[in-house]
Amino acid sequence: MASNPNSNKGFVYQEFGNGSSPPLDRAVERGTPDLPPNQQNVRIQATRAGRKGKTVTVITGFQTTPETLATLLKQLKAQCGTGGTVKDHEIEVQGDHKQKILEILVKLGYKAKISGG
C-alpha cells in the first residue's frame, strides 16, 4: 500500500480552511465591543414570562465578552445563593434578586438600573 503524500493524518474531517487559522475573538465575532463597566448601561428586571410561573431576574445591556459574563454570573450566583445562566448575551439568575444584584453591580462599577415594576 502506497501512502498518499497529500493526506493529513491529524484530521478525520475538515470542512473549510487548512486548520492553521487562529481562533476568532468572540466579542469581535459578535460585533460587541468590550467596554469597561463604568461605560455600560445595564438593566435589571424580574420576570416570569415564559418560565412556567418561576421568577427570574434578567440583567440586560452588557457590552462585553462571554467570558466576562460567565465570570460575573458566577459571582452573582454565589452572592444570591441561587442558580443562573447566560442566554443571548443576558444573565438570568433564579428568583427575585433585583435589589441585591443592583447593589453588587454598582459596587463593581456598572451603571445599573432596575426597570419594570
Protein backbone atom coordinates (compact mmCIF):
# COMPACT_ATOMS: atom_id res chain seq x y z
CA MET A 1 0.00 0.00 0.00
CA ALA A 2 1.42 3.40 -1.00
CA SER A 3 0.76 6.33 1.31
CA ASN A 4 -0.79 9.47 -0.11
CA PRO A 5 1.58 12.47 0.35
CA ASN A 6 -1.44 14.85 0.39
CA SER A 7 -3.19 13.08 3.25
CA ASN A 8 -3.47 14.95 6.51
CA LYS A 9 -3.19 12.34 9.26
CA GLY A 10 -4.26 14.73 12.09
CA PHE A 11 -7.75 15.36 10.69
CA VAL A 12 -10.59 12.95 10.17
CA TYR A 13 -12.83 15.59 8.61
CA GLN A 14 -12.28 19.25 7.79
CA GLU A 15 -14.82 21.37 6.00
CA PHE A 16 -13.05 24.71 5.49
CA GLY A 17 -9.53 26.11 5.60
CA ASN A 18 -6.24 24.44 6.26
CA GLY A 19 -6.60 24.17 10.06
CA SER A 20 -3.88 26.70 10.83
CA SER A 21 -6.04 29.82 11.19
CA PRO A 22 -6.12 31.43 14.67
CA PRO A 23 -9.39 31.35 16.63
CA LEU A 24 -11.57 34.43 16.36
CA ASP A 25 -12.21 36.66 19.36
CA ARG A 26 -15.87 36.10 20.30
CA ALA A 27 -16.56 39.78 21.07
CA VAL A 28 -15.25 40.78 17.64
CA GLU A 29 -17.21 37.97 16.01
CA ARG A 30 -20.49 39.21 17.57
CA GLY A 31 -19.61 42.83 16.79
CA THR A 32 -19.82 43.67 20.51
CA PRO A 33 -17.14 45.96 21.94
CA ASP A 34 -15.63 45.01 25.30
CA LEU A 35 -16.39 48.17 27.28
CA PRO A 36 -15.30 48.85 30.86
CA PRO A 37 -18.10 48.52 33.47
CA ASN A 38 -18.50 52.28 34.02
CA GLN A 39 -19.46 52.73 30.32
CA GLN A 40 -22.15 50.06 30.30
CA ASN A 41 -25.82 50.81 30.96
CA VAL A 42 -27.27 47.65 32.48
CA ARG A 43 -30.96 46.97 33.19
CA ILE A 44 -32.21 44.61 35.89
CA GLN A 45 -35.73 43.17 35.67
CA ALA A 46 -37.62 40.37 37.40
CA THR A 47 -39.92 38.41 35.08
CA ARG A 48 -41.99 35.24 34.96
CA ALA A 49 -42.89 35.35 31.27
CA GLY A 50 -42.32 32.02 29.52
CA ARG A 51 -40.87 30.33 32.60
CA LYS A 52 -43.86 28.34 33.89
CA GLY A 53 -44.54 30.79 36.73
CA LYS A 54 -40.97 30.82 38.08
CA THR A 55 -39.50 34.25 38.80
CA VAL A 56 -36.16 35.00 37.15
CA THR A 57 -34.05 38.17 37.44
CA VAL A 58 -32.79 39.14 33.97
CA ILE A 59 -29.85 41.51 33.52
CA THR A 60 -29.52 43.02 30.03
CA GLY A 61 -27.40 45.62 28.24
CA PHE A 62 -23.96 44.08 28.62
CA GLN A 63 -21.32 45.02 26.05
CA THR A 64 -18.59 42.57 26.93
CA THR A 65 -17.18 39.15 26.09
CA PRO A 66 -18.97 35.90 27.00
CA GLU A 67 -16.03 35.01 29.26
CA THR A 68 -16.59 38.19 31.30
CA LEU A 69 -20.31 37.41 31.50
CA ALA A 70 -19.58 33.90 32.77
CA THR A 71 -17.28 35.28 35.48
CA LEU A 72 -19.87 37.86 36.53
CA LEU A 73 -22.61 35.22 36.55
CA LYS A 74 -20.56 33.01 38.85
CA GLN A 75 -20.10 35.90 41.27
CA LEU A 76 -23.81 36.83 41.22
CA LYS A 77 -24.91 33.23 41.77
CA ALA A 78 -22.60 32.94 44.78
CA GLN A 79 -23.81 36.23 46.29
CA CYS A 80 -27.51 35.38 45.76
CA GLY A 81 -27.20 31.71 46.65
CA THR A 82 -29.10 30.56 43.57
CA GLY A 83 -28.61 29.16 40.09
CA GLY A 84 -28.42 31.07 36.86
CA THR A 85 -27.30 31.08 33.24
CA VAL A 86 -26.16 33.25 30.34
CA LYS A 87 -28.58 33.29 27.39
CA ASP A 88 -28.38 35.55 24.33
CA HIS A 89 -25.82 37.89 25.96
CA GLU A 90 -28.10 38.31 29.02
CA ILE A 91 -27.64 36.98 32.55
CA GLU A 92 -30.55 35.14 34.17
CA VAL A 93 -30.49 34.49 37.93
CA GLN A 94 -33.19 32.31 39.50
CA GLY A 95 -35.51 34.15 41.88
CA ASP A 96 -36.29 37.83 42.50
CA HIS A 97 -32.94 39.39 43.46
CA LYS A 98 -33.27 42.83 41.82
CA GLN A 99 -32.11 44.92 44.76
CA LYS A 100 -29.22 42.66 45.75
CA ILE A 101 -27.94 42.41 42.16
CA LEU A 102 -28.24 46.20 41.77
CA GLU A 103 -26.02 46.72 44.83
CA ILE A 104 -23.44 44.18 43.61
CA LEU A 105 -23.26 45.66 40.08
CA VAL A 106 -22.95 49.23 41.38
CA LYS A 107 -20.06 48.14 43.66
CA LEU A 108 -18.38 46.60 40.59
CA GLY A 109 -18.68 49.93 38.75
CA TYR A 110 -21.61 49.21 36.39
CA LYS A 111 -24.25 51.86 35.69
CA ALA A 112 -27.20 49.68 36.65
CA LYS A 113 -30.90 50.48 36.98
CA ILE A 114 -33.96 48.44 37.88
CA SER A 115 -36.51 48.51 35.07
CA GLY A 116 -40.13 47.42 35.19
CA GLY A 117 -42.41 47.24 38.23
